[in-house]
């Protein structure tokens, strides 16, 4: 996916949002189109020096807004239980644990969440 974001994400109806400090990229997140019309939130990251600055919240809000603009029924994500700050952000932004997940095979994913519109 990282080798071909145009082909693997954008050409398939997804979106990629980047945050910059000057001309330097400092954060990104992708929305991958899902068969049900929703989007998977994927590849979210913020440079280490800006973690805790609120940039992750800004990127996630952009995802939420983009999903609403597209009429998506939900946003979905998979994460890891060891990522406490990320889990706190997701829950604060309205994501709930999925009761009966269908794991995608992400090697480190052990938490499945969604945010319904």
Protein backbone atom coordinates (compact mmCIF):
# COMPACT_ATOMS: atom_id res chain seq x y z
CA UNK A 1 0.00 0.00 0.00
CA UNK A 2 2.81 2.39 0.87
CA UNK A 3 4.60 1.59 -2.38
CA UNK A 4 1.58 2.54 -4.50
CA UNK A 5 -0.85 4.81 -2.62
CA UNK A 6 -2.30 6.14 -5.90
CA UNK A 7 -3.20 2.67 -7.14
CA UNK A 8 -4.06 1.02 -3.83
CA UNK A 9 -5.99 3.83 -2.14
CA UNK A 10 -6.89 6.83 -4.32
CA UNK A 11 -7.77 4.99 -7.54
CA UNK A 12 -10.09 2.75 -5.52
CA UNK A 13 -12.10 5.66 -4.12
CA UNK A 14 -10.02 6.41 -1.04
CA UNK A 15 -8.40 9.58 0.21
CA UNK A 16 -5.06 10.54 1.75
CA UNK A 17 -4.67 13.55 4.02
CA UNK A 18 -1.27 15.04 4.83
CA UNK A 19 -0.24 17.59 7.45
CA UNK A 20 2.74 19.83 6.78
CA UNK A 21 4.94 22.09 8.85
CA UNK A 22 6.25 24.44 6.19
CA UNK A 23 7.13 22.06 3.38
CA UNK A 24 7.92 19.14 5.71
CA UNK A 25 5.29 16.38 6.02
CA UNK A 26 4.55 15.80 9.70
CA UNK A 27 1.44 13.64 9.66
CA UNK A 28 -0.80 11.58 7.43
CA UNK A 29 -3.85 9.37 7.38
CA UNK A 30 -5.62 7.39 4.68
CA UNK A 31 -9.26 6.53 4.10
CA UNK A 32 -9.61 3.25 2.23
CA UNK A 33 -12.97 2.71 0.51
CA UNK A 34 -14.87 -0.32 1.82
CA UNK A 35 -17.48 -2.39 -0.04
CA UNK A 36 -20.29 -1.17 2.26
CA UNK A 37 -19.65 2.48 1.34
CA UNK A 38 -17.73 3.16 4.52
CA UNK A 39 -14.05 3.90 4.88
CA UNK A 40 -11.26 2.24 6.78
CA UNK A 41 -9.03 4.72 8.59
CA UNK A 42 -5.48 3.49 7.95
CA UNK A 43 -1.83 4.45 8.08
CA UNK A 44 -2.36 7.28 10.53
CA UNK A 45 0.86 8.69 11.92
CA UNK A 46 2.32 11.89 13.32
CA UNK A 47 6.05 12.57 13.63
CA UNK A 48 7.31 11.76 17.08
CA UNK A 49 8.13 15.37 17.97
CA UNK A 50 4.49 16.42 17.41
CA UNK A 51 2.75 13.52 19.16
CA UNK A 52 0.51 14.90 21.88
CA UNK A 53 0.18 18.23 20.06
CA UNK A 54 -3.38 17.66 18.84
CA UNK A 55 -2.33 16.99 15.25
CA UNK A 56 -3.71 13.45 15.39
CA UNK A 57 -7.08 14.87 16.44
CA UNK A 58 -7.00 17.30 13.50
CA UNK A 59 -6.24 14.47 11.06
CA UNK A 60 -8.98 12.27 12.53
CA UNK A 61 -11.49 15.12 12.37
CA UNK A 62 -10.66 15.54 8.70
CA UNK A 63 -11.42 11.84 8.19
CA UNK A 64 -14.73 12.19 10.03
CA UNK A 65 -15.65 15.24 7.95
CA UNK A 66 -14.66 13.53 4.69
CA UNK A 67 -16.75 10.47 5.54
CA UNK A 68 -19.75 12.66 6.30
CA UNK A 69 -19.27 14.63 3.07
CA UNK A 70 -19.18 11.34 1.13
CA UNK A 71 -22.32 9.99 2.82
CA UNK A 72 -20.42 7.06 4.34
CA UNK A 73 -22.35 4.93 6.82
CA UNK A 74 -19.27 4.45 9.02
CA UNK A 75 -15.57 4.77 9.57
CA UNK A 76 -13.74 1.59 10.59
CA UNK A 77 -10.26 0.99 11.96
CA UNK A 78 -8.03 -1.69 13.33
CA UNK A 79 -5.37 -0.90 15.90
CA UNK A 80 -3.32 -2.46 18.64
CA UNK A 81 -4.26 -2.64 22.32
CA UNK A 82 -0.79 -1.40 23.26
CA UNK A 83 -1.35 1.99 21.61
CA UNK A 84 -3.08 3.66 24.56
CA UNK A 85 -2.85 7.27 23.28
CA UNK A 86 -4.33 6.27 19.91
CA UNK A 87 -7.13 4.30 21.58
CA UNK A 88 -7.93 7.30 23.77
CA UNK A 89 -8.12 9.55 20.72
CA UNK A 90 -10.35 7.16 18.79
CA UNK A 91 -12.75 6.73 21.70
CA UNK A 92 -12.84 10.48 22.35
CA UNK A 93 -13.80 10.99 18.71
CA UNK A 94 -16.76 8.62 18.85
CA UNK A 95 -15.28 5.27 17.84
CA UNK A 96 -16.70 2.21 19.59
CA UNK A 97 -15.35 -1.32 19.80
CA UNK A 98 -16.83 -3.69 17.21
CA UNK A 99 -18.58 -6.56 18.98
CA UNK A 100 -18.04 -9.21 16.29
CA UNK A 101 -15.06 -8.16 14.15
CA UNK A 102 -13.87 -9.78 10.97
CA UNK A 103 -10.08 -9.44 11.28
CA UNK A 104 -8.38 -8.33 8.09
CA UNK A 105 -5.07 -10.00 8.76
CA UNK A 106 -3.16 -6.94 9.92
CA UNK A 107 -0.42 -8.63 11.91
CA UNK A 108 -0.60 -6.30 14.92
CA UNK A 109 -4.33 -5.57 14.89
CA UNK A 110 -6.17 -6.80 17.98
CA UNK A 111 -8.70 -3.97 18.45
CA UNK A 112 -11.48 -3.26 15.93
CA UNK A 113 -13.51 -0.05 16.09
CA UNK A 114 -16.06 1.89 14.12
CA UNK A 115 -17.76 5.25 14.18
CA UNK A 116 -21.26 5.31 12.77
CA UNK A 117 -22.80 8.38 11.14
